[in-house]
Amino acid sequence: MAKKGKIRKGFTTYLLVLFIALVAAFMIFVTIMLFSPFKNVLGLKYFLYQSEDYVYNVTNADNGEIFDFSKIQQINIDCNYADVRVERYDNIDNNAIIITNNTKGFAKEGQNTDFTYTVTYANPENTILNVKVTEPVGFLYLSKDITITVAVPIHSSYALADTKVDITNTSGDIYIGNNIRITTVGSNEIDLNSFSVKTNSGRVFLFSHINGNFNDIFIKSTKGNIQINKNLEVANSFELHSTSGDIKMQDLTLSNQKVVFDINNSKLTANAINAGVDLSINKGILEVSNINGNLVANDSNKQMKSASITIGRVSGAISLPFANASKIEIEEITDKGACYIHATSGSVTLGKTYAYADIETTTGAITMHTYADDFKVKTTKGKIDVKFDCSTIKNQIDITSTKGEVNLAVKDNLKFVLAIYNAEGKDRTDNINIEFLKQKFTNPLTINGGTNIAKIITDGKVNVSIIEAN
């Protein structure tokens, strides 16, 4: 037994020595690569960059003129994982493209670890500037710190007021404007005409130190978050496309066209949208305090699935014909136009609404407080709760269900004829509670000498009551 114990102990010692030897060999291997960057060591190489280039004219040009951004109508920036900034700069005297590279990491032998960039004019008139950056490629990055900055001096009177910036990358973050105040002498704001951003996972930031007036804005970030810290006024077009990001906005005012929110499974929160909204959403979340315009989601190819839409106030028409299993809550609709919502298992809650409402669900509940003189709601199994806070019925109000419970509250001075039917269209008098009725219920029932009809169809319970005075 003693010999076997010694064998086990010797074998364990051997494994420990072997492990230490392997760790030591690995450390030596890594040390050789760290002290020999860009050299191939057993099929691997280490790359390391530490540079900051101030580019004042186009690359590969002899005695090129210093950039005059006032003569450049568009700046196109194309990169991969580099961050991009458009901002005022306090330590330059002339407009510049600043390219900073502090990347480091490990690459396989066949991977391209070169770093290159070009800054060129795209047309003979020198009004379009192209910035192209190719980043090092590796399998393990210790740092992916590359930044491309469109830099405007703080004392410059021109800060891109007639220039559009078009940015395309995959994962780098994008920063428009300055986040903090950098000077008390010159200007802190970028006065950008228009910008377009297309990225996959990069985040997009629009900071507060920027002029909020634009001609056009286009933002598309598949997975990256979007944060806009400035109230915006846009003259021509505003489009925001996101698949699964978190989007935060302030006020947005659009002069001529609809705002396009194509947000799929993203979450968008905003304060006031002073424009019509063309909405496309799947399982996402939309939370807006005020929409001063129409809210429309009419594209049948981009139907909602189980979205959540919460809006404080809408002053235009509403059209959501493909809401499906979505949850819709609107506190107030001030416009006297129309509100059309068609859902399946989704619920619809309308607070104070002055619009004619046409609401339909399958199993979803419908809750509404309306001041309009007509409405129509329909469900199969969902519960219906309606406060009809109007003194007259213009034509006819219709409440239709198959099995759902119906609760209707009316003003005490409303003149109307109450007609209640089962799902087969036959008169019914069972399972009906008329709160203010002292005599036996007869169907139809004339109330306050009215002639216009309030029609209820359901096999479920029916409750009719008086709206309580506030």
Protein backbone atom coordinates (compact mmCIF):
# COMPACT_ATOMS: atom_id res chain seq x y z
CA MET A 1 0.00 0.00 0.00
CA ALA A 2 2.85 2.40 0.80
CA LYS A 3 4.33 1.93 -2.67
CA LYS A 4 0.99 2.71 -4.32
CA GLY A 5 0.70 5.94 -2.27
CA LYS A 6 4.16 6.99 -3.35
CA ILE A 7 3.23 6.32 -7.00
CA ARG A 8 0.10 8.48 -6.72
CA LYS A 9 2.06 11.26 -5.02
CA GLY A 10 4.77 11.10 -7.66
CA PHE A 11 2.21 11.24 -10.49
CA THR A 12 0.48 14.27 -8.92
CA THR A 13 3.83 16.01 -8.58
CA TYR A 14 4.57 15.24 -12.23
CA LEU A 15 1.23 16.78 -13.35
CA LEU A 16 1.89 19.88 -11.24
CA VAL A 17 5.36 20.32 -12.72
CA LEU A 18 3.94 19.81 -16.23
CA PHE A 19 1.24 22.40 -15.63
CA ILE A 20 3.75 24.94 -14.31
CA ALA A 21 5.98 24.29 -17.32
CA LEU A 22 3.07 24.85 -19.72
CA VAL A 23 2.09 28.09 -17.97
CA ALA A 24 5.69 29.27 -18.07
CA ALA A 25 5.96 28.40 -21.77
CA PHE A 26 2.74 30.26 -22.48
CA MET A 27 3.93 33.32 -20.58
CA ILE A 28 7.21 33.29 -22.48
CA PHE A 29 5.25 32.96 -25.72
CA VAL A 30 3.01 35.92 -24.84
CA THR A 31 6.00 38.00 -23.70
CA ILE A 32 7.77 37.42 -27.01
CA MET A 33 4.68 38.62 -28.90
CA LEU A 34 4.21 41.67 -26.66
CA PHE A 35 7.78 42.78 -27.27
CA SER A 36 7.59 41.96 -30.97
CA PRO A 37 4.37 43.53 -32.22
CA PHE A 38 3.23 42.66 -35.75
CA LYS A 39 5.67 39.73 -35.95
CA ASN A 40 4.38 36.24 -36.63
CA VAL A 41 5.04 33.94 -33.66
CA LEU A 42 3.82 30.38 -34.21
CA GLY A 43 0.92 31.59 -36.37
CA LEU A 44 -0.13 34.43 -34.06
CA LYS A 45 0.82 38.08 -33.79
CA TYR A 46 0.28 40.96 -31.42
CA PHE A 47 -0.70 44.37 -32.76
CA LEU A 48 -0.40 47.70 -31.00
CA TYR A 49 -1.20 51.22 -32.18
CA GLN A 50 -0.74 54.59 -30.46
CA SER A 51 -1.34 57.47 -32.84
CA GLU A 52 -3.31 60.68 -33.25
CA ASP A 53 -3.35 62.33 -36.67
CA TYR A 54 -4.72 65.80 -37.39
CA VAL A 55 -5.73 65.83 -41.04
CA TYR A 56 -6.17 69.36 -42.42
CA ASN A 57 -6.32 68.51 -46.12
CA VAL A 58 -6.91 65.49 -48.32
CA THR A 59 -4.44 62.62 -48.01
CA ASN A 60 -1.82 61.91 -50.71
CA ALA A 61 -2.00 65.48 -51.97
CA ASP A 62 0.93 67.87 -52.25
CA ASN A 63 0.30 71.27 -50.69
CA GLY A 64 -3.40 70.63 -50.43
CA GLU A 65 -5.57 73.46 -49.23
CA ILE A 66 -6.75 73.37 -45.64
CA PHE A 67 -10.35 72.17 -45.34
CA ASP A 68 -12.95 74.89 -45.70
CA PHE A 69 -16.05 73.19 -44.29
CA SER A 70 -18.24 76.05 -45.53
CA LYS A 71 -17.57 74.87 -49.09
CA ILE A 72 -18.21 71.18 -48.33
CA GLN A 73 -21.84 70.13 -48.79
CA GLN A 74 -21.44 66.55 -47.52
CA ILE A 75 -18.96 64.55 -45.44
CA ASN A 76 -19.18 60.76 -45.83
CA ILE A 77 -17.53 58.62 -43.15
CA ASP A 78 -17.15 54.87 -43.69
CA CYS A 79 -15.60 52.64 -41.04
CA ASN A 80 -16.15 49.45 -39.04
CA TYR A 81 -15.78 49.55 -35.25
CA ALA A 82 -14.37 53.07 -34.98
CA ASP A 83 -16.28 55.67 -32.99
CA VAL A 84 -17.29 58.83 -34.86
CA ARG A 85 -17.63 62.31 -33.39
CA VAL A 86 -18.88 65.58 -34.87
CA GLU A 87 -18.07 68.36 -32.43
CA ARG A 88 -16.45 71.66 -31.54
CA TYR A 89 -12.78 71.38 -30.61
CA ASP A 90 -10.84 73.72 -28.37
CA ASN A 91 -7.18 73.04 -29.28
CA ILE A 92 -7.16 73.52 -33.06
CA ASP A 93 -7.04 76.64 -35.22
CA ASN A 94 -8.42 75.11 -38.43
CA ASN A 95 -11.09 72.61 -39.44
CA ALA A 96 -9.76 69.08 -39.21
CA ILE A 97 -10.47 65.39 -39.41
CA ILE A 98 -8.80 63.91 -36.33
CA ILE A 99 -8.08 60.18 -36.42
CA THR A 100 -6.99 58.55 -33.16
CA ASN A 101 -5.92 54.90 -32.96
CA ASN A 102 -5.10 53.12 -29.70
CA THR A 103 -6.09 49.58 -30.64
CA LYS A 104 -4.26 46.50 -29.41
CA GLY A 105 -4.90 42.81 -29.47
CA PHE A 106 -4.01 39.44 -30.93
CA ALA A 107 -4.56 38.20 -34.47
CA LYS A 108 -4.12 35.03 -36.43
CA GLU A 109 -1.51 34.89 -39.14
CA GLY A 110 -3.99 35.43 -41.97
CA GLN A 111 -5.81 38.36 -40.39
CA ASN A 112 -5.07 41.87 -41.61
CA THR A 113 -3.80 44.01 -38.75
CA ASP A 114 -2.99 47.03 -40.92
CA PHE A 115 -4.58 50.36 -40.10
CA THR A 116 -5.24 52.70 -43.01
CA TYR A 117 -7.30 55.76 -43.73
CA THR A 118 -7.93 58.08 -46.65
CA VAL A 119 -9.53 61.51 -46.81
CA THR A 120 -10.44 62.42 -50.38
CA TYR A 121 -12.80 64.55 -52.42
CA ALA A 122 -15.51 62.61 -54.25
CA ASN A 123 -16.22 65.15 -56.99
CA PRO A 124 -14.30 67.70 -59.09
CA GLU A 125 -16.00 70.60 -57.32
CA ASN A 126 -14.52 69.45 -53.97
CA THR A 127 -17.92 69.71 -52.27
CA ILE A 128 -18.14 66.07 -51.09
CA LEU A 129 -15.51 64.74 -48.71
CA ASN A 130 -15.01 61.00 -48.18
CA VAL A 131 -13.34 59.64 -45.05
CA LYS A 132 -12.53 55.93 -45.25
CA VAL A 133 -10.97 54.05 -42.32
CA THR A 134 -9.89 50.39 -42.30
CA GLU A 135 -9.36 49.05 -38.79
CA PRO A 136 -7.05 46.22 -37.66
CA VAL A 137 -8.66 42.77 -37.53
CA GLY A 138 -8.00 40.33 -34.70
CA PHE A 139 -9.57 37.49 -32.74
CA LEU A 140 -8.89 38.98 -29.29
CA TYR A 141 -8.97 42.74 -28.71
CA LEU A 142 -7.45 44.30 -25.59
CA SER A 143 -8.66 47.68 -26.87
CA LYS A 144 -10.77 48.78 -29.86
CA ASP A 145 -10.13 52.48 -29.31
CA ILE A 146 -10.33 54.23 -32.69
CA THR A 147 -12.04 57.59 -33.08
CA ILE A 148 -12.77 59.68 -36.16
CA THR A 149 -13.61 63.28 -35.28
CA VAL A 150 -15.00 65.96 -37.55
CA ALA A 151 -13.57 68.85 -35.57
CA VAL A 152 -14.68 72.49 -35.82
CA PRO A 153 -12.63 75.10 -33.88
CA ILE A 154 -14.54 76.85 -31.10
CA HIS A 155 -13.83 80.25 -32.67
CA SER A 156 -15.07 79.27 -36.15
CA SER A 157 -18.14 81.19 -37.34
CA TYR A 158 -19.13 78.28 -39.62
CA ALA A 159 -20.07 75.01 -37.89
CA LEU A 160 -21.54 72.85 -40.69
CA ALA A 161 -24.78 74.85 -41.09
CA ASP A 162 -24.97 73.90 -44.79
CA THR A 163 -23.25 70.52 -44.51
CA LYS A 164 -24.65 67.02 -44.25
CA VAL A 165 -22.70 64.30 -42.44
CA ASP A 166 -23.32 60.70 -43.55
CA ILE A 167 -21.89 58.02 -41.22
CA THR A 168 -21.78 54.26 -41.87
CA ASN A 169 -20.18 51.74 -39.51
CA THR A 170 -20.97 48.44 -37.81
CA SER A 171 -20.30 48.66 -34.08
CA GLY A 172 -18.71 52.01 -33.29
CA ASP A 173 -20.55 54.64 -31.28
CA ILE A 174 -21.58 57.92 -32.90
CA TYR A 175 -21.61 61.27 -31.09
CA ILE A 176 -23.16 64.40 -32.58
CA GLY A 177 -22.43 67.66 -30.78
CA ASN A 178 -20.61 68.35 -27.52
CA ASN A 179 -21.70 66.75 -24.29
CA ILE A 180 -20.25 69.44 -22.01
CA ARG A 181 -19.56 73.15 -22.29
CA ILE A 182 -15.94 73.56 -23.40
CA THR A 183 -15.55 77.32 -23.67
CA THR A 184 -16.84 80.64 -22.40
CA VAL A 185 -15.30 82.56 -25.31
CA GLY A 186 -16.28 80.83 -28.55
CA SER A 187 -19.28 78.71 -29.46
CA ASN A 188 -20.09 75.36 -27.91
CA GLU A 189 -22.61 74.32 -30.54
CA ILE A 190 -22.39 72.41 -33.81
CA ASP A 191 -24.83 73.91 -36.31
CA LEU A 192 -25.27 70.85 -38.51
CA ASN A 193 -27.55 70.97 -41.56
CA SER A 194 -28.44 67.26 -41.81
CA PHE A 195 -27.06 63.90 -40.78
CA SER A 196 -27.53 60.25 -41.63
CA VAL A 197 -26.38 57.39 -39.42
CA LYS A 198 -26.35 53.69 -40.33
CA THR A 199 -24.88 51.26 -37.82
CA ASN A 200 -25.48 47.73 -36.57
CA SER A 201 -24.73 47.70 -32.85
CA GLY A 202 -23.25 51.16 -32.42
CA ARG A 203 -24.91 53.59 -30.05
CA VAL A 204 -26.03 57.00 -31.29
CA PHE A 205 -25.87 60.11 -29.10
CA LEU A 206 -27.16 63.56 -29.98
CA PHE A 207 -25.83 65.82 -27.25
CA SER A 208 -27.29 69.03 -25.87
CA HIS A 209 -24.61 71.44 -27.16
CA ILE A 210 -25.88 71.48 -30.73
CA ASN A 211 -28.23 73.65 -32.71
CA GLY A 212 -31.51 71.72 -32.73
CA ASN A 213 -32.62 72.91 -36.19
CA PHE A 214 -32.07 70.43 -39.03
CA ASN A 215 -33.23 69.86 -42.58
CA ASP A 216 -33.10 66.06 -42.50
CA ILE A 217 -32.28 63.35 -39.96
CA PHE A 218 -31.97 59.62 -40.69
CA ILE A 219 -30.91 57.19 -37.94
CA LYS A 220 -30.69 53.43 -38.30
CA SER A 221 -29.15 51.32 -35.54
CA THR A 222 -30.10 47.66 -35.45
CA LYS A 223 -29.18 46.86 -31.85
CA GLY A 224 -27.57 50.01 -30.51
CA ASN A 225 -29.23 52.46 -28.14
CA ILE A 226 -30.18 55.95 -29.32
CA GLN A 227 -30.22 58.97 -27.03
CA ILE A 228 -31.29 62.46 -28.14
CA ASN A 229 -30.74 65.10 -25.45
CA LYS A 230 -31.90 68.11 -27.48
CA ASN A 231 -35.28 69.40 -28.61
CA LEU A 232 -35.29 69.10 -32.41
CA GLU A 233 -36.98 71.09 -35.17
CA VAL A 234 -36.68 69.36 -38.55
CA ALA A 235 -37.72 71.03 -41.80
CA ASN A 236 -37.98 68.10 -44.23
CA SER A 237 -37.73 64.53 -42.93
CA PHE A 238 -37.06 62.55 -39.77
CA GLU A 239 -36.67 58.76 -39.89
CA LEU A 240 -35.68 56.52 -37.02
CA HIS A 241 -35.16 52.78 -37.60
CA SER A 242 -34.26 50.34 -34.82
CA THR A 243 -34.71 46.62 -34.25
CA SER A 244 -34.05 46.14 -30.56
CA GLY A 245 -32.49 49.28 -29.11
CA ASP A 246 -33.48 51.61 -26.28
CA ILE A 247 -34.41 55.05 -27.67
CA LYS A 248 -34.83 58.20 -25.61
CA MET A 249 -35.90 61.54 -27.10
CA GLN A 250 -36.99 65.01 -26.06
CA ASP A 251 -39.37 67.20 -28.13
CA LEU A 252 -39.49 66.73 -31.89
CA THR A 253 -41.13 69.15 -34.32
CA LEU A 254 -41.38 68.38 -38.02
CA SER A 255 -42.57 71.09 -40.38
CA ASN A 256 -43.83 69.30 -43.47
CA GLN A 257 -43.88 65.50 -43.36
CA LYS A 258 -44.68 62.65 -40.99
CA VAL A 259 -42.16 61.38 -38.50
CA VAL A 260 -41.19 57.78 -39.32
CA PHE A 261 -40.76 55.53 -36.27
CA ASP A 262 -39.78 52.04 -37.45
CA ILE A 263 -38.89 50.56 -34.06
CA ASN A 264 -39.81 46.84 -34.28
CA ASN A 265 -38.86 45.38 -30.84
CA SER A 266 -37.25 48.54 -29.47
CA LYS A 267 -38.39 50.82 -26.66
CA LEU A 268 -38.94 54.47 -27.57
CA THR A 269 -39.74 57.15 -25.02
CA ALA A 270 -40.29 60.77 -26.01
CA ASN A 271 -41.84 63.96 -24.72
CA ALA A 272 -43.77 65.89 -27.39
CA ILE A 273 -43.95 64.86 -31.05
CA ASN A 274 -45.26 67.88 -32.94
CA ALA A 275 -46.00 66.08 -36.18
CA GLY A 276 -47.88 63.12 -37.54
CA VAL A 277 -46.33 59.75 -36.72
CA ASP A 278 -45.99 56.92 -39.22
CA LEU A 279 -45.45 53.98 -36.85
CA SER A 280 -44.11 50.49 -37.42
CA ILE A 281 -43.74 48.34 -34.30
CA ASN A 282 -43.77 44.61 -33.52
CA LYS A 283 -43.14 43.68 -29.87
CA GLY A 284 -41.69 47.03 -28.93
CA ILE A 285 -42.72 49.75 -26.50
CA LEU A 286 -43.80 53.29 -27.43
CA GLU A 287 -44.21 55.84 -24.64
CA VAL A 288 -44.94 59.43 -25.68
CA SER A 289 -46.32 62.26 -23.58
CA ASN A 290 -47.93 64.19 -26.47
CA ILE A 291 -48.48 63.63 -30.18
CA ASN A 292 -49.69 66.80 -31.86
CA GLY A 293 -50.71 65.13 -35.10
CA ASN A 294 -52.02 61.84 -36.46
CA LEU A 295 -50.84 58.42 -35.27
CA VAL A 296 -50.92 55.89 -38.10
CA ALA A 297 -49.74 52.28 -38.45
CA ASN A 298 -51.47 51.12 -41.63
CA ASP A 299 -48.78 48.91 -43.20
CA SER A 300 -50.19 45.36 -43.29
CA ASN A 301 -46.69 43.99 -43.99
CA LYS A 302 -45.46 45.38 -40.67
CA GLN A 303 -48.22 44.37 -38.30
CA MET A 304 -47.91 44.65 -34.55
CA LYS A 305 -47.57 41.47 -32.56
CA SER A 306 -47.62 42.32 -28.86
CA ALA A 307 -46.53 45.93 -28.66
CA SER A 308 -47.18 48.30 -25.77
CA ILE A 309 -48.29 51.81 -26.75
CA THR A 310 -48.80 54.41 -24.03
CA ILE A 311 -49.58 58.01 -25.03
CA GLY A 312 -50.62 60.88 -22.82
CA ARG A 313 -52.37 63.04 -25.40
CA VAL A 314 -53.10 62.85 -29.13
CA SER A 315 -54.45 65.82 -31.05
CA GLY A 316 -54.94 64.07 -34.40
CA ALA A 317 -56.60 61.03 -35.91
CA ILE A 318 -55.56 57.50 -34.91
CA SER A 319 -55.43 54.49 -37.22
CA LEU A 320 -54.08 51.20 -35.82
CA PRO A 321 -55.81 48.47 -37.88
CA PHE A 322 -53.25 45.73 -37.15
CA ALA A 323 -52.74 46.04 -33.38
CA ASN A 324 -53.30 42.28 -32.78
CA ALA A 325 -52.15 41.37 -29.23
CA SER A 326 -50.88 44.84 -28.39
CA LYS A 327 -51.75 46.87 -25.31
CA ILE A 328 -52.87 50.40 -26.19
CA GLU A 329 -53.45 53.15 -23.63
CA ILE A 330 -54.21 56.75 -24.62
CA GLU A 331 -55.13 59.20 -21.88
CA GLU A 332 -56.70 61.86 -24.08
CA ILE A 333 -57.69 62.37 -27.73
CA THR A 334 -58.53 66.02 -28.29
CA ASP A 335 -59.27 65.92 -32.02
CA LYS A 336 -62.88 65.45 -33.17
CA GLY A 337 -61.82 63.30 -36.11
CA ALA A 338 -61.64 59.52 -35.91
CA CYS A 339 -59.94 56.81 -33.88
CA TYR A 340 -59.80 53.36 -35.47
CA ILE A 341 -58.14 50.46 -33.61
CA HIS A 342 -58.44 46.79 -34.51
CA ALA A 343 -56.84 44.23 -32.19
CA THR A 344 -57.24 40.55 -31.32
CA SER A 345 -56.25 39.67 -27.74
CA GLY A 346 -54.84 43.15 -27.18
CA SER A 347 -56.56 45.60 -24.86
CA VAL A 348 -57.56 49.17 -25.71
CA THR A 349 -57.95 51.91 -23.11
CA LEU A 350 -59.00 55.41 -24.15
CA GLY A 351 -59.29 58.15 -21.56
CA LYS A 352 -61.00 61.41 -22.45
CA THR A 353 -61.67 61.17 -26.18
CA TYR A 354 -63.50 63.66 -28.38
CA ALA A 355 -62.93 61.63 -31.54
CA TYR A 356 -65.39 59.22 -33.12
CA ALA A 357 -64.07 55.83 -31.98
CA ASP A 358 -64.33 52.57 -33.89
CA ILE A 359 -62.68 49.92 -31.71
CA GLU A 360 -62.64 46.17 -32.30
CA THR A 361 -60.96 43.30 -30.45
CA THR A 362 -61.42 39.54 -30.18
CA THR A 363 -60.67 38.72 -26.55
CA GLY A 364 -59.08 41.98 -25.48
CA ALA A 365 -60.86 44.36 -23.13
CA ILE A 366 -62.09 47.78 -24.30
CA THR A 367 -62.25 50.69 -21.87
CA MET A 368 -63.28 54.16 -23.06
CA HIS A 369 -64.43 57.52 -21.72
CA THR A 370 -65.84 59.40 -24.70
CA TYR A 371 -67.22 62.90 -25.16
CA ALA A 372 -68.01 62.29 -28.85
CA ASP A 373 -71.65 62.00 -29.88
CA ASP A 374 -71.18 58.63 -31.63
CA PHE A 375 -68.97 55.55 -31.27
CA LYS A 376 -68.78 51.89 -32.16
CA VAL A 377 -67.02 49.15 -30.19
CA LYS A 378 -66.96 45.44 -30.88
CA THR A 379 -65.40 42.37 -29.28
CA THR A 380 -66.00 38.64 -29.13
CA LYS A 381 -65.17 37.72 -25.55
CA GLY A 382 -63.58 40.85 -24.15
CA LYS A 383 -65.11 43.04 -21.48
CA ILE A 384 -66.43 46.46 -22.56
CA ASP A 385 -66.53 49.50 -20.26
CA VAL A 386 -67.77 52.75 -21.80
CA LYS A 387 -68.53 56.13 -20.28
CA PHE A 388 -70.64 58.08 -22.78
CA ASP A 389 -70.09 61.61 -21.49
CA CYS A 390 -72.18 63.43 -24.09
CA SER A 391 -75.68 64.93 -23.84
CA THR A 392 -76.79 63.82 -27.31
CA ILE A 393 -76.45 60.89 -29.70
CA LYS A 394 -75.91 62.15 -33.22
CA ASN A 395 -76.83 58.96 -35.08
CA GLN A 396 -76.44 55.72 -33.13
CA ILE A 397 -73.99 54.17 -30.69
CA ASP A 398 -73.19 50.48 -31.11
CA ILE A 399 -71.72 48.08 -28.57
CA THR A 400 -71.31 44.53 -29.87
CA SER A 401 -69.99 41.39 -28.22
CA THR A 402 -70.65 37.67 -28.28
CA LYS A 403 -70.01 36.69 -24.68
CA GLY A 404 -68.36 39.71 -23.10
CA GLU A 405 -69.71 41.75 -20.22
CA VAL A 406 -70.89 45.25 -21.17
CA ASN A 407 -70.87 48.23 -18.80
CA LEU A 408 -72.32 51.48 -20.18
CA ALA A 409 -72.47 54.70 -18.18
CA VAL A 410 -74.39 57.72 -19.54
CA LYS A 411 -75.26 61.26 -18.45
CA ASP A 412 -78.47 61.59 -16.50
CA ASN A 413 -79.96 63.98 -19.09
CA LEU A 414 -79.22 61.85 -22.15
CA LYS A 415 -82.24 61.25 -24.37
CA PHE A 416 -82.03 57.89 -26.13
CA VAL A 417 -83.60 54.50 -26.79
CA LEU A 418 -81.83 51.56 -25.14
CA ALA A 419 -82.06 48.39 -27.24
CA ILE A 420 -80.40 45.18 -26.01
CA TYR A 421 -80.07 41.96 -28.02
CA ASN A 422 -78.37 38.60 -27.67
CA ALA A 423 -75.65 37.41 -30.03
CA GLU A 424 -78.29 36.01 -32.38
CA GLY A 425 -79.95 39.42 -32.68
CA LYS A 426 -82.99 38.61 -30.57
CA ASP A 427 -84.45 40.86 -27.85
CA ARG A 428 -83.37 39.96 -24.35
CA THR A 429 -84.38 41.04 -20.84
CA ASP A 430 -82.34 38.62 -18.70
CA ASN A 431 -79.09 39.36 -16.85
CA ILE A 432 -79.57 43.11 -17.37
CA ASN A 433 -79.10 45.72 -14.67
CA ILE A 434 -80.41 49.27 -15.29
CA GLU A 435 -79.18 51.22 -12.29
CA PHE A 436 -81.66 54.10 -12.55
CA LEU A 437 -84.71 52.10 -13.68
CA LYS A 438 -87.41 51.70 -11.04
CA GLN A 439 -90.04 49.93 -13.12
CA LYS A 440 -89.73 46.66 -15.00
CA PHE A 441 -87.33 46.72 -17.96
CA THR A 442 -88.96 46.66 -21.37
CA ASN A 443 -86.91 46.20 -24.50
CA PRO A 444 -86.38 48.62 -26.19
CA LEU A 445 -86.50 51.21 -23.43
CA THR A 446 -87.13 54.91 -24.15
CA ILE A 447 -85.20 57.16 -21.77
CA ASN A 448 -85.88 60.89 -21.31
CA GLY A 449 -88.09 60.83 -24.39
CA GLY A 450 -85.19 60.17 -26.78
CA THR A 451 -85.33 58.68 -30.27
CA ASN A 452 -81.74 57.87 -31.23
CA ILE A 453 -80.61 54.36 -30.37
CA ALA A 454 -77.95 52.99 -28.04
CA LYS A 455 -77.64 49.41 -29.27
CA ILE A 456 -76.05 46.64 -27.20
CA ILE A 457 -75.53 43.10 -28.49
CA THR A 458 -74.11 40.40 -26.22
CA ASP A 459 -74.92 37.17 -24.41
CA GLY A 460 -72.99 38.44 -21.41
CA LYS A 461 -74.09 40.56 -18.49
CA VAL A 462 -75.21 44.15 -19.22
CA ASN A 463 -74.98 47.03 -16.74
CA VAL A 464 -76.26 50.53 -17.55
CA SER A 465 -75.58 53.32 -15.04
CA ILE A 466 -75.36 57.09 -14.61
CA ILE A 467 -71.95 58.82 -14.79
CA GLU A 468 -71.06 60.09 -11.36
CA ALA A 469 -70.64 63.85 -11.12
CA ASN A 470 -67.06 64.98 -10.54
